Amino acid sequence: MSFVNTKTAQAFADLRDAHYAFPRAQRLREGFEWMLTDYWSKASLGRRFEARGLLVTGPSRTGKSADIEHLLAEVNNGETTMPDGRPAKIVSVMLAGTMTWKDLGVDTLREGLRFPTRGKMTQTEIWDMVGFQARAQGVHGIHYDECQHIFPRKSNEGRAMILDSFKSLLKNPDWPLMLVLSGVDELVRHIASEEQLAYLLRPVHFDEISLQRTEDQQEVNTLCFAYADKAGLDFSSLSTLDFFRRLACACGNRWGLVIELLIDACVGARNAADTALKSEHFCTAFTARTGLAQGYSPFSIENFEPLFKGEKMFELWENNRLAVPR
């Protein structure tokens, strides 16, 4: 007996394959165009130059990684030719936790450049190999996700060394690399402490949901209708500010979590053969995700705000995320 419900799996796949273009995506795209245009114009002169980069920050689960990943796929689709005659290529490396600069070099070789390290190599040898392999493979830039993890908490000297090392990648005389550094807001503080590096990086910030802003109210509404339409469901009965407040609260005001809950609710509604989304679909999806008692959610309790605090909701999602298949 199969453990895969193919009908449900296909419904999830259809919705997860969709990419919703937030207005902020245009700011990020403009940043990528600025960075690549700057690189192209300097590289075309055939002289030594320094590359530029992006500093993409915001609270966790606001959609930074998804939007960057979407744009990286476009950059790497072969349509942008660089002055060396090869297509533009930017690889991505995720920092999974606290690590040293040497560790990051190893991960860059293995994860980003798909080059196995052999035997014992010094930190200098590892990063020399990063530069050599990047040039050999035609890699023009690197995206480091969750970049805040590289910075030591207590050592100012260690932080200064790492900042100088990032700057060296941008200024490498043999093969300068564009950098996209993304992470939570504390990353801004680290980068700002090195004036020259901060100058070379254009900041792009991702905000949480704030329903005090009219544009965010409209964006949540558009987002909900977009996913409901994709699933063939009617969302109109839930298109109210009261429901948006409940949805934002349930998701800790994180855009990424709103999308996850929307997908779960849509699949639940389709499995139940309903034609319209209801609060009950969101309630069921929320309790399944968070592990709370069935029926106990911001969607089912009249005076929900004293019981469900936004930041606590985010922590609840994070604490239970490994228990939910993705």
Protein backbone atom coordinates (compact mmCIF):
# COMPACT_ATOMS: atom_id res chain seq x y z
CA MET A 1 0.00 0.00 0.00
CA SER A 2 1.42 3.35 -1.06
CA PHE A 3 1.98 6.07 1.50
CA VAL A 4 1.66 8.75 -1.18
CA ASN A 5 -1.73 10.26 -1.89
CA THR A 6 -0.96 11.24 -5.46
CA LYS A 7 -4.00 13.52 -5.78
CA THR A 8 -3.01 15.52 -2.70
CA ALA A 9 0.65 15.48 -3.68
CA GLN A 10 -0.16 16.91 -7.11
CA ALA A 11 -2.33 19.62 -5.55
CA PHE A 12 0.58 20.63 -3.29
CA ALA A 13 3.01 20.51 -6.22
CA ASP A 14 0.82 22.75 -8.38
CA LEU A 15 0.56 25.41 -5.68
CA ARG A 16 4.18 25.21 -4.51
CA ASP A 17 5.37 25.58 -8.08
CA ALA A 18 3.65 28.96 -8.33
CA HIS A 19 5.70 32.09 -7.69
CA TYR A 20 3.87 35.15 -6.44
CA ALA A 21 5.56 38.39 -7.50
CA PHE A 22 5.48 40.83 -4.60
CA PRO A 23 6.15 44.53 -5.34
CA ARG A 24 9.41 44.18 -3.40
CA ALA A 25 10.56 41.71 -6.07
CA GLN A 26 10.94 44.62 -8.45
CA ARG A 27 13.34 46.34 -6.02
CA LEU A 28 15.33 43.13 -5.79
CA ARG A 29 15.36 42.72 -9.57
CA GLU A 30 16.60 46.29 -9.95
CA GLY A 31 19.37 45.45 -7.50
CA PHE A 32 20.40 42.39 -9.53
CA GLU A 33 20.36 44.44 -12.75
CA TRP A 34 22.48 47.15 -11.11
CA MET A 35 24.99 44.60 -9.81
CA LEU A 36 25.33 42.68 -13.08
CA THR A 37 25.41 45.80 -15.26
CA ASP A 38 28.17 47.26 -13.09
CA TYR A 39 30.17 44.02 -13.37
CA TRP A 40 29.68 43.76 -17.13
CA SER A 41 30.69 47.35 -17.82
CA LYS A 42 33.89 47.05 -15.77
CA ALA A 43 34.84 43.57 -17.02
CA SER A 44 34.42 44.70 -20.63
CA LEU A 45 37.30 47.15 -20.23
CA GLY A 46 39.78 44.35 -19.62
CA ARG A 47 41.29 46.02 -16.56
CA ARG A 48 41.31 45.14 -12.88
CA PHE A 49 38.12 46.15 -11.10
CA GLU A 50 36.06 45.62 -7.98
CA ALA A 51 32.64 43.99 -8.14
CA ARG A 52 29.53 45.13 -6.32
CA GLY A 53 26.93 43.18 -4.40
CA LEU A 54 23.60 43.18 -2.59
CA LEU A 55 22.75 43.09 1.11
CA VAL A 56 19.27 41.53 1.40
CA THR A 57 17.87 41.58 4.94
CA GLY A 58 14.63 41.18 6.85
CA PRO A 59 13.00 39.00 9.51
CA SER A 60 12.97 35.23 9.01
CA ARG A 61 10.28 33.75 6.73
CA THR A 62 9.53 37.00 4.90
CA GLY A 63 10.41 35.42 1.55
CA LYS A 64 14.00 36.61 1.02
CA SER A 65 15.40 33.23 0.00
CA ALA A 66 12.49 32.40 -2.31
CA ASP A 67 12.70 35.70 -4.19
CA ILE A 68 16.49 35.51 -4.48
CA GLU A 69 16.30 31.90 -5.66
CA HIS A 70 13.74 32.88 -8.30
CA LEU A 71 15.97 35.65 -9.63
CA LEU A 72 19.09 33.46 -9.54
CA ALA A 73 17.30 30.98 -11.79
CA GLU A 74 16.69 33.81 -14.28
CA VAL A 75 20.29 35.02 -14.05
CA ASN A 76 21.55 31.47 -14.63
CA ASN A 77 19.21 30.64 -17.54
CA GLY A 78 21.94 31.36 -20.11
CA GLU A 79 20.39 34.49 -21.61
CA THR A 80 22.84 36.95 -20.02
CA THR A 81 26.28 36.78 -21.63
CA MET A 82 29.22 38.29 -19.78
CA PRO A 83 32.29 39.91 -21.43
CA ASP A 84 34.29 36.68 -21.05
CA GLY A 85 31.86 35.09 -23.52
CA ARG A 86 30.29 32.78 -20.96
CA PRO A 87 26.76 33.05 -19.57
CA ALA A 88 26.33 34.82 -16.24
CA LYS A 89 26.40 32.41 -13.32
CA ILE A 90 25.81 33.00 -9.62
CA VAL A 91 25.92 30.04 -7.25
CA SER A 92 24.26 29.80 -3.85
CA VAL A 93 25.57 28.57 -0.50
CA MET A 94 23.49 28.33 2.68
CA LEU A 95 25.15 28.78 6.06
CA ALA A 96 23.54 26.11 8.20
CA GLY A 97 24.90 27.38 11.50
CA THR A 98 27.90 28.93 13.19
CA MET A 99 31.06 28.31 11.18
CA THR A 100 34.54 29.67 10.59
CA TRP A 101 35.81 31.41 7.46
CA LYS A 102 37.65 28.20 6.60
CA ASP A 103 34.40 26.21 6.98
CA LEU A 104 32.66 28.62 4.65
CA GLY A 105 35.41 28.14 2.08
CA VAL A 106 34.92 24.37 2.22
CA ASP A 107 31.13 24.76 1.84
CA THR A 108 31.64 27.17 -1.06
CA LEU A 109 33.79 24.61 -2.87
CA ARG A 110 31.50 21.67 -2.16
CA GLU A 111 28.03 23.21 -2.30
CA GLY A 112 28.50 26.18 -4.59
CA LEU A 113 31.24 25.04 -6.97
CA ARG A 114 30.65 21.26 -6.72
CA PHE A 115 34.36 20.72 -6.20
CA PRO A 116 35.43 18.12 -3.62
CA THR A 117 38.13 19.12 -1.17
CA ARG A 118 40.99 16.68 -0.76
CA GLY A 119 43.08 15.98 2.32
CA LYS A 120 44.06 18.73 4.71
CA MET A 121 44.05 22.21 3.20
CA THR A 122 44.83 25.47 4.91
CA GLN A 123 42.34 28.33 4.94
CA THR A 124 44.42 30.20 2.37
CA GLU A 125 44.62 27.17 0.07
CA ILE A 126 40.87 26.65 0.30
CA TRP A 127 40.00 30.21 -0.65
CA ASP A 128 42.65 30.28 -3.39
CA MET A 129 40.91 27.19 -4.78
CA VAL A 130 37.53 28.99 -4.56
CA GLY A 131 38.89 31.78 -6.76
CA PHE A 132 40.54 29.34 -9.18
CA GLN A 133 37.45 27.16 -9.55
CA ALA A 134 35.10 30.14 -9.87
CA ARG A 135 37.15 31.47 -12.77
CA ALA A 136 37.50 28.03 -14.38
CA GLN A 137 33.77 27.34 -14.13
CA GLY A 138 32.66 30.81 -15.19
CA VAL A 139 31.07 31.63 -11.84
CA HIS A 140 30.69 35.41 -11.57
CA GLY A 141 29.06 35.66 -8.16
CA ILE A 142 28.08 33.87 -4.96
CA HIS A 143 24.92 34.14 -2.87
CA TYR A 144 25.46 33.45 0.84
CA ASP A 145 22.14 32.78 2.58
CA GLU A 146 21.69 33.11 6.36
CA CYS A 147 24.95 35.03 6.27
CA GLN A 148 24.66 36.27 9.87
CA HIS A 149 25.90 32.87 11.04
CA ILE A 150 29.46 33.57 9.90
CA PHE A 151 29.98 36.41 12.36
CA PRO A 152 31.33 35.56 15.84
CA ARG A 153 29.27 36.94 18.69
CA LYS A 154 32.07 38.14 20.94
CA SER A 155 35.19 38.71 18.86
CA ASN A 156 35.47 42.09 17.15
CA GLU A 157 38.77 41.01 15.63
CA GLY A 158 37.14 37.90 14.16
CA ARG A 159 34.31 39.94 12.71
CA ALA A 160 36.74 42.43 11.18
CA MET A 161 38.66 39.58 9.53
CA ILE A 162 35.49 38.14 7.99
CA LEU A 163 34.33 41.52 6.72
CA ASP A 164 37.73 42.13 5.17
CA SER A 165 37.59 38.67 3.57
CA PHE A 166 34.21 39.40 1.94
CA LYS A 167 35.66 42.65 0.67
CA SER A 168 38.62 40.72 -0.78
CA LEU A 169 36.25 38.52 -2.81
CA LEU A 170 34.72 41.64 -4.38
CA LYS A 171 38.17 43.10 -5.05
CA ASN A 172 40.02 39.93 -6.12
CA PRO A 173 42.41 41.18 -8.85
CA ASP A 174 42.31 37.89 -10.79
CA TRP A 175 38.59 37.15 -10.63
CA PRO A 176 36.33 39.51 -8.65
CA LEU A 177 33.07 37.95 -7.50
CA MET A 178 29.70 39.63 -7.08
CA LEU A 179 28.22 38.88 -3.65
CA VAL A 180 24.62 38.57 -2.54
CA LEU A 181 24.59 38.44 1.26
CA SER A 182 21.19 37.67 2.77
CA GLY A 183 20.03 37.18 6.32
CA VAL A 184 18.15 38.61 9.26
CA ASP A 185 18.35 42.26 10.28
CA GLU A 186 21.38 41.82 12.55
CA LEU A 187 23.44 41.30 9.39
CA VAL A 188 23.09 45.04 8.65
CA ARG A 189 24.90 45.91 11.87
CA HIS A 190 27.82 43.66 11.00
CA ILE A 191 28.20 44.98 7.46
CA ALA A 192 27.82 48.62 8.52
CA SER A 193 30.87 48.28 10.77
CA GLU A 194 33.09 48.01 7.65
CA GLU A 195 32.55 51.21 5.67
CA GLN A 196 34.26 50.10 2.48
CA LEU A 197 32.31 46.83 2.30
CA ALA A 198 29.02 48.58 3.07
CA TYR A 199 29.74 50.99 0.19
CA LEU A 200 30.07 48.09 -2.25
CA LEU A 201 26.74 46.50 -1.26
CA ARG A 202 23.31 47.87 -2.18
CA PRO A 203 20.77 47.26 0.62
CA VAL A 204 17.38 45.67 -0.08
CA HIS A 205 15.06 45.21 2.91
CA PHE A 206 12.08 42.85 3.27
CA ASP A 207 9.38 43.99 5.70
CA GLU A 208 6.95 42.00 7.82
CA ILE A 209 3.22 42.33 7.24
CA SER A 210 1.77 45.48 8.76
CA LEU A 211 -1.97 45.79 8.22
CA GLN A 212 -1.77 49.41 9.33
CA ARG A 213 -0.42 50.00 5.83
CA THR A 214 -3.12 50.09 3.18
CA GLU A 215 -0.73 48.59 0.63
CA ASP A 216 -0.20 45.54 2.86
CA GLN A 217 -3.95 45.06 3.22
CA GLN A 218 -4.25 45.10 -0.56
CA GLU A 219 -1.26 42.79 -0.96
CA VAL A 220 -2.65 40.16 1.43
CA ASN A 221 -5.95 40.31 -0.42
CA THR A 222 -4.29 39.91 -3.82
CA LEU A 223 -2.10 37.09 -2.54
CA CYS A 224 -5.05 35.15 -1.16
CA PHE A 225 -7.07 35.51 -4.33
CA ALA A 226 -4.06 34.48 -6.44
CA TYR A 227 -3.58 31.17 -4.64
CA ALA A 228 -7.31 30.50 -4.37
CA ASP A 229 -7.69 31.07 -8.12
CA LYS A 230 -4.74 28.76 -8.78
CA ALA A 231 -6.53 26.08 -6.74
CA GLY A 232 -9.89 26.75 -8.41
CA LEU A 233 -11.48 28.05 -5.21
CA ASP A 234 -13.57 31.10 -4.31
CA PHE A 235 -12.00 33.37 -1.69
CA SER A 236 -14.49 36.26 -1.82
CA SER A 237 -16.33 35.48 1.44
CA LEU A 238 -13.07 35.81 3.42
CA SER A 239 -11.94 39.03 1.78
CA THR A 240 -12.30 41.18 4.91
CA LEU A 241 -9.90 43.10 7.12
CA ASP A 242 -10.96 40.97 10.09
CA PHE A 243 -9.86 37.79 8.33
CA PHE A 244 -6.59 39.37 7.21
CA ARG A 245 -5.82 40.28 10.83
CA ARG A 246 -6.44 36.70 11.88
CA LEU A 247 -4.30 35.37 9.03
CA ALA A 248 -1.42 37.76 9.73
CA CYS A 249 -1.57 36.94 13.46
CA ALA A 250 -1.59 33.19 12.83
CA CYS A 251 1.50 33.54 10.64
CA GLY A 252 3.49 35.85 12.90
CA ASN A 253 3.18 38.61 10.28
CA ARG A 254 5.51 36.68 7.96
CA TRP A 255 4.69 36.66 4.26
CA GLY A 256 6.32 33.28 3.73
CA LEU A 257 4.20 31.64 6.42
CA VAL A 258 1.04 33.17 4.96
CA ILE A 259 1.84 31.46 1.66
CA GLU A 260 2.47 28.12 3.42
CA LEU A 261 -0.83 28.33 5.31
CA LEU A 262 -2.68 29.40 2.16
CA ILE A 263 -1.38 26.36 0.30
CA ASP A 264 -2.36 24.01 3.14
CA ALA A 265 -5.84 25.53 3.37
CA CYS A 266 -6.36 25.34 -0.39
CA VAL A 267 -5.34 21.68 -0.53
CA GLY A 268 -7.59 20.93 2.45
CA ALA A 269 -10.53 22.60 0.73
CA ARG A 270 -9.94 20.67 -2.49
CA ASN A 271 -9.66 17.37 -0.64
CA ALA A 272 -13.00 18.12 1.00
CA ALA A 273 -14.50 18.85 -2.44
CA ASP A 274 -15.39 22.40 -1.35
CA THR A 275 -15.59 25.14 -3.92
CA ALA A 276 -14.84 28.05 -1.59
CA LEU A 277 -12.24 28.71 1.09
CA LYS A 278 -13.60 28.96 4.63
CA SER A 279 -12.17 29.90 8.01
CA GLU A 280 -12.42 26.23 8.97
CA HIS A 281 -9.88 25.29 6.30
CA PHE A 282 -7.38 27.75 7.72
CA CYS A 283 -8.11 26.65 11.29
CA THR A 284 -7.45 23.01 10.42
CA ALA A 285 -4.28 23.85 8.51
CA PHE A 286 -3.01 26.07 11.33
CA THR A 287 -3.49 23.51 14.10
CA ALA A 288 -1.90 20.79 11.97
CA ARG A 289 1.15 22.99 11.39
CA THR A 290 1.56 24.21 14.97
CA GLY A 291 0.46 21.19 16.97
CA LEU A 292 -2.21 23.10 18.88
CA ALA A 293 -5.50 21.47 19.81
CA GLN A 294 -7.86 21.06 16.89
CA GLY A 295 -10.15 24.06 16.63
CA TYR A 296 -7.92 26.32 18.74
CA SER A 297 -6.70 29.08 16.44
CA PRO A 298 -7.05 32.79 15.61
CA PHE A 299 -9.62 31.72 13.00
CA SER A 300 -12.02 30.16 15.51
CA ILE A 301 -11.83 32.41 18.60
CA GLU A 302 -13.69 35.72 18.58
CA ASN A 303 -11.31 37.70 20.80
CA PHE A 304 -8.12 36.11 19.46
CA GLU A 305 -5.51 38.84 19.88
CA PRO A 306 -4.84 38.46 23.65
CA LEU A 307 -4.30 34.71 23.15
CA PHE A 308 -2.18 34.69 20.02
CA LYS A 309 0.80 37.05 19.92
CA GLY A 310 2.53 37.52 16.55
CA GLU A 311 6.11 36.75 17.62
CA LYS A 312 4.97 33.76 19.70
CA MET A 313 3.14 32.44 16.64
CA PHE A 314 6.34 32.62 14.63
CA GLU A 315 8.21 30.70 17.34
CA LEU A 316 5.42 28.11 17.35
CA TRP A 317 5.81 27.55 13.61
CA GLU A 318 9.58 27.31 13.92
CA ASN A 319 9.41 24.83 16.79
CA ASN A 320 7.10 22.55 14.83
CA ARG A 321 8.41 22.99 11.29
CA LEU A 322 10.57 19.85 11.31
CA ALA A 323 7.52 17.75 12.11
CA VAL A 324 5.72 18.82 8.93
CA PRO A 325 6.72 17.40 5.51
CA ARG A 326 7.69 20.01 2.92
